[in-house]
Amino acid sequence: RWLDAAHAWSRIPSDHSLAGVTRPWRALALAKAGRLDEALTLAPEGSHLAGELHCALGRLDEGLAIMANDRSD
């Protein structure tokens, strides 16, 4: 189910106006499907989105630290 969602969102061309909106959702779907490495390629290292992905997978301490660092920058 999560992979189906990620696949559907991946068919939106990167230059389409919806690409930026669906990118975080695609990353979350990939993370929920157990493909964190692939999900993190959609989120810049140390970004708020990367922190959210870690939190969504239950890695709260790591995710919150990434988000806090992102806000301090």
N, C-alpha and C. Protein backbone atom coordinates (compact mmCIF):
# COMPACT_ATOMS: atom_id res chain seq x y z
N ARG A 1 0.82 -1.19 0.00
CA ARG A 1 0.00 0.00 0.00
C ARG A 1 0.86 1.26 0.00
N TRP A 2 1.86 1.31 0.89
CA TRP A 2 2.74 2.49 0.94
C TRP A 2 3.56 2.59 -0.34
N LEU A 3 4.00 1.43 -0.84
CA LEU A 3 4.78 1.45 -2.08
C LEU A 3 3.92 1.86 -3.27
N ASP A 4 2.66 1.47 -3.26
CA ASP A 4 1.75 1.91 -4.32
C ASP A 4 1.63 3.43 -4.33
N ALA A 5 1.52 4.01 -3.15
CA ALA A 5 1.42 5.46 -3.05
C ALA A 5 2.71 6.12 -3.52
N ALA A 6 3.84 5.60 -3.09
CA ALA A 6 5.12 6.17 -3.51
C ALA A 6 5.28 6.07 -5.02
N HIS A 7 4.87 4.96 -5.58
CA HIS A 7 4.97 4.78 -7.03
C HIS A 7 4.07 5.78 -7.76
N ALA A 8 2.86 5.95 -7.28
CA ALA A 8 1.94 6.89 -7.93
C ALA A 8 2.49 8.31 -7.89
N TRP A 9 3.01 8.72 -6.74
CA TRP A 9 3.54 10.07 -6.62
C TRP A 9 4.82 10.25 -7.43
N SER A 10 5.56 9.17 -7.65
CA SER A 10 6.81 9.28 -8.40
C SER A 10 6.56 9.53 -9.88
N ARG A 11 5.36 9.27 -10.34
CA ARG A 11 5.05 9.49 -11.76
C ARG A 11 4.80 10.96 -12.09
N ILE A 12 4.73 11.81 -11.08
CA ILE A 12 4.56 13.24 -11.32
C ILE A 12 5.91 13.80 -11.74
N PRO A 13 6.00 14.41 -12.91
CA PRO A 13 7.28 14.95 -13.39
C PRO A 13 7.85 15.99 -12.41
N SER A 14 9.17 16.02 -12.29
CA SER A 14 9.82 16.92 -11.33
C SER A 14 9.56 18.39 -11.63
N ASP A 15 9.22 18.72 -12.87
CA ASP A 15 8.96 20.12 -13.20
C ASP A 15 7.47 20.49 -13.08
N HIS A 16 6.66 19.55 -12.65
CA HIS A 16 5.23 19.82 -12.47
C HIS A 16 5.02 20.57 -11.16
N SER A 17 3.99 21.41 -11.11
CA SER A 17 3.74 22.21 -9.91
C SER A 17 3.42 21.36 -8.68
N LEU A 18 2.95 20.15 -8.87
CA LEU A 18 2.64 19.28 -7.73
C LEU A 18 3.85 18.53 -7.20
N ALA A 19 4.95 18.55 -7.92
CA ALA A 19 6.13 17.77 -7.51
C ALA A 19 6.62 18.16 -6.12
N GLY A 20 6.67 19.44 -5.84
CA GLY A 20 7.13 19.89 -4.53
C GLY A 20 6.18 19.52 -3.41
N VAL A 21 4.89 19.48 -3.72
CA VAL A 21 3.89 19.14 -2.73
C VAL A 21 3.92 17.65 -2.40
N THR A 22 4.11 16.82 -3.41
CA THR A 22 4.05 15.38 -3.20
C THR A 22 5.37 14.78 -2.72
N ARG A 23 6.44 15.50 -2.87
CA ARG A 23 7.75 14.96 -2.49
C ARG A 23 7.80 14.50 -1.02
N PRO A 24 7.35 15.31 -0.07
CA PRO A 24 7.38 14.83 1.32
C PRO A 24 6.49 13.61 1.54
N TRP A 25 5.34 13.57 0.87
CA TRP A 25 4.44 12.44 1.02
C TRP A 25 5.05 11.18 0.43
N ARG A 26 5.72 11.34 -0.70
CA ARG A 26 6.40 10.19 -1.32
C ARG A 26 7.50 9.68 -0.39
N ALA A 27 8.25 10.61 0.18
CA ALA A 27 9.32 10.22 1.10
C ALA A 27 8.75 9.47 2.31
N LEU A 28 7.65 9.95 2.85
CA LEU A 28 7.03 9.27 4.00
C LEU A 28 6.54 7.89 3.61
N ALA A 29 5.93 7.77 2.43
CA ALA A 29 5.45 6.47 1.98
C ALA A 29 6.60 5.48 1.84
N LEU A 30 7.71 5.94 1.28
CA LEU A 30 8.88 5.07 1.14
C LEU A 30 9.43 4.67 2.50
N ALA A 31 9.47 5.63 3.42
CA ALA A 31 9.97 5.33 4.77
C ALA A 31 9.08 4.31 5.46
N LYS A 32 7.77 4.49 5.35
CA LYS A 32 6.82 3.55 5.97
C LYS A 32 6.93 2.16 5.35
N ALA A 33 7.34 2.10 4.09
CA ALA A 33 7.51 0.82 3.41
C ALA A 33 8.86 0.19 3.73
N GLY A 34 9.63 0.83 4.61
CA GLY A 34 10.92 0.27 5.01
C GLY A 34 12.07 0.65 4.11
N ARG A 35 11.87 1.63 3.27
CA ARG A 35 12.91 2.06 2.33
C ARG A 35 13.43 3.45 2.73
N LEU A 36 13.95 3.52 3.97
CA LEU A 36 14.40 4.80 4.52
C LEU A 36 15.51 5.42 3.71
N ASP A 37 16.46 4.64 3.24
CA ASP A 37 17.56 5.20 2.46
C ASP A 37 17.03 5.92 1.22
N GLU A 38 16.09 5.29 0.54
CA GLU A 38 15.50 5.91 -0.64
C GLU A 38 14.69 7.14 -0.26
N ALA A 39 13.97 7.06 0.85
CA ALA A 39 13.18 8.20 1.31
C ALA A 39 14.07 9.40 1.63
N LEU A 40 15.19 9.12 2.27
CA LEU A 40 16.09 10.22 2.66
C LEU A 40 16.74 10.89 1.45
N THR A 41 16.77 10.21 0.30
CA THR A 41 17.30 10.86 -0.90
C THR A 41 16.38 11.98 -1.37
N LEU A 42 15.13 11.93 -0.94
CA LEU A 42 14.17 12.98 -1.28
C LEU A 42 14.21 14.14 -0.29
N ALA A 43 14.92 13.94 0.79
CA ALA A 43 15.03 14.98 1.83
C ALA A 43 16.49 15.33 2.01
N PRO A 44 16.82 16.60 1.87
CA PRO A 44 18.22 16.99 2.10
C PRO A 44 18.69 16.57 3.49
N GLU A 45 19.93 16.12 3.57
CA GLU A 45 20.49 15.68 4.85
C GLU A 45 20.39 16.80 5.88
N GLY A 46 19.89 16.45 7.05
CA GLY A 46 19.76 17.43 8.11
C GLY A 46 18.55 18.33 7.99
N SER A 47 17.71 18.09 6.99
CA SER A 47 16.53 18.93 6.80
C SER A 47 15.41 18.55 7.76
N HIS A 48 14.46 19.45 7.88
CA HIS A 48 13.30 19.19 8.73
C HIS A 48 12.58 17.92 8.27
N LEU A 49 12.46 17.75 6.96
CA LEU A 49 11.80 16.55 6.42
C LEU A 49 12.53 15.29 6.83
N ALA A 50 13.84 15.30 6.80
CA ALA A 50 14.61 14.14 7.23
C ALA A 50 14.30 13.82 8.70
N GLY A 51 14.20 14.86 9.51
CA GLY A 51 13.84 14.66 10.92
C GLY A 51 12.45 14.07 11.07
N GLU A 52 11.51 14.56 10.27
CA GLU A 52 10.15 14.03 10.33
C GLU A 52 10.12 12.56 9.93
N LEU A 53 10.91 12.19 8.93
CA LEU A 53 10.95 10.79 8.51
C LEU A 53 11.46 9.90 9.63
N HIS A 54 12.50 10.35 10.31
CA HIS A 54 13.02 9.56 11.43
C HIS A 54 11.97 9.42 12.53
N CYS A 55 11.27 10.51 12.82
CA CYS A 55 10.22 10.46 13.84
C CYS A 55 9.10 9.51 13.44
N ALA A 56 8.71 9.54 12.18
CA ALA A 56 7.64 8.67 11.69
C ALA A 56 7.99 7.21 11.83
N LEU A 57 9.28 6.91 11.82
CA LEU A 57 9.73 5.53 11.97
C LEU A 57 10.03 5.15 13.41
N GLY A 58 9.70 6.07 14.33
CA GLY A 58 9.90 5.78 15.74
C GLY A 58 11.27 6.14 16.26
N ARG A 59 12.08 6.78 15.46
CA ARG A 59 13.41 7.22 15.88
C ARG A 59 13.32 8.66 16.38
N LEU A 60 12.55 8.83 17.46
CA LEU A 60 12.21 10.18 17.92
C LEU A 60 13.41 11.02 18.31
N ASP A 61 14.32 10.46 19.09
CA ASP A 61 15.47 11.26 19.54
C ASP A 61 16.29 11.76 18.36
N GLU A 62 16.55 10.87 17.42
CA GLU A 62 17.33 11.24 16.25
C GLU A 62 16.58 12.26 15.39
N GLY A 63 15.29 12.02 15.18
CA GLY A 63 14.49 12.92 14.36
C GLY A 63 14.35 14.30 14.97
N LEU A 64 14.09 14.36 16.28
CA LEU A 64 13.96 15.66 16.94
C LEU A 64 15.27 16.42 16.94
N ALA A 65 16.38 15.72 17.08
CA ALA A 65 17.69 16.37 17.03
C ALA A 65 17.93 16.98 15.65
N ILE A 66 17.56 16.26 14.60
CA ILE A 66 17.74 16.78 13.23
C ILE A 66 16.89 18.03 13.05
N MET A 67 15.63 17.97 13.48
CA MET A 67 14.74 19.13 13.32
C MET A 67 15.22 20.33 14.13
N ALA A 68 15.71 20.07 15.36
CA ALA A 68 16.21 21.17 16.18
C ALA A 68 17.43 21.81 15.54
N ASN A 69 18.31 21.01 14.99
CA ASN A 69 19.50 21.52 14.32
C ASN A 69 19.13 22.33 13.08
N ASP A 70 18.13 21.84 12.34
CA ASP A 70 17.67 22.53 11.14
C ASP A 70 17.13 23.91 11.49
N ARG A 71 16.43 24.02 12.59
CA ARG A 71 15.86 25.31 13.00
C ARG A 71 16.92 26.28 13.50
N SER A 72 17.99 25.74 14.08
CA SER A 72 19.05 26.61 14.60
C SER A 72 19.89 27.20 13.48
N ASP A 73 19.91 26.51 12.31
CA ASP A 73 20.67 27.01 11.17
C ASP A 73 19.90 28.15 10.56
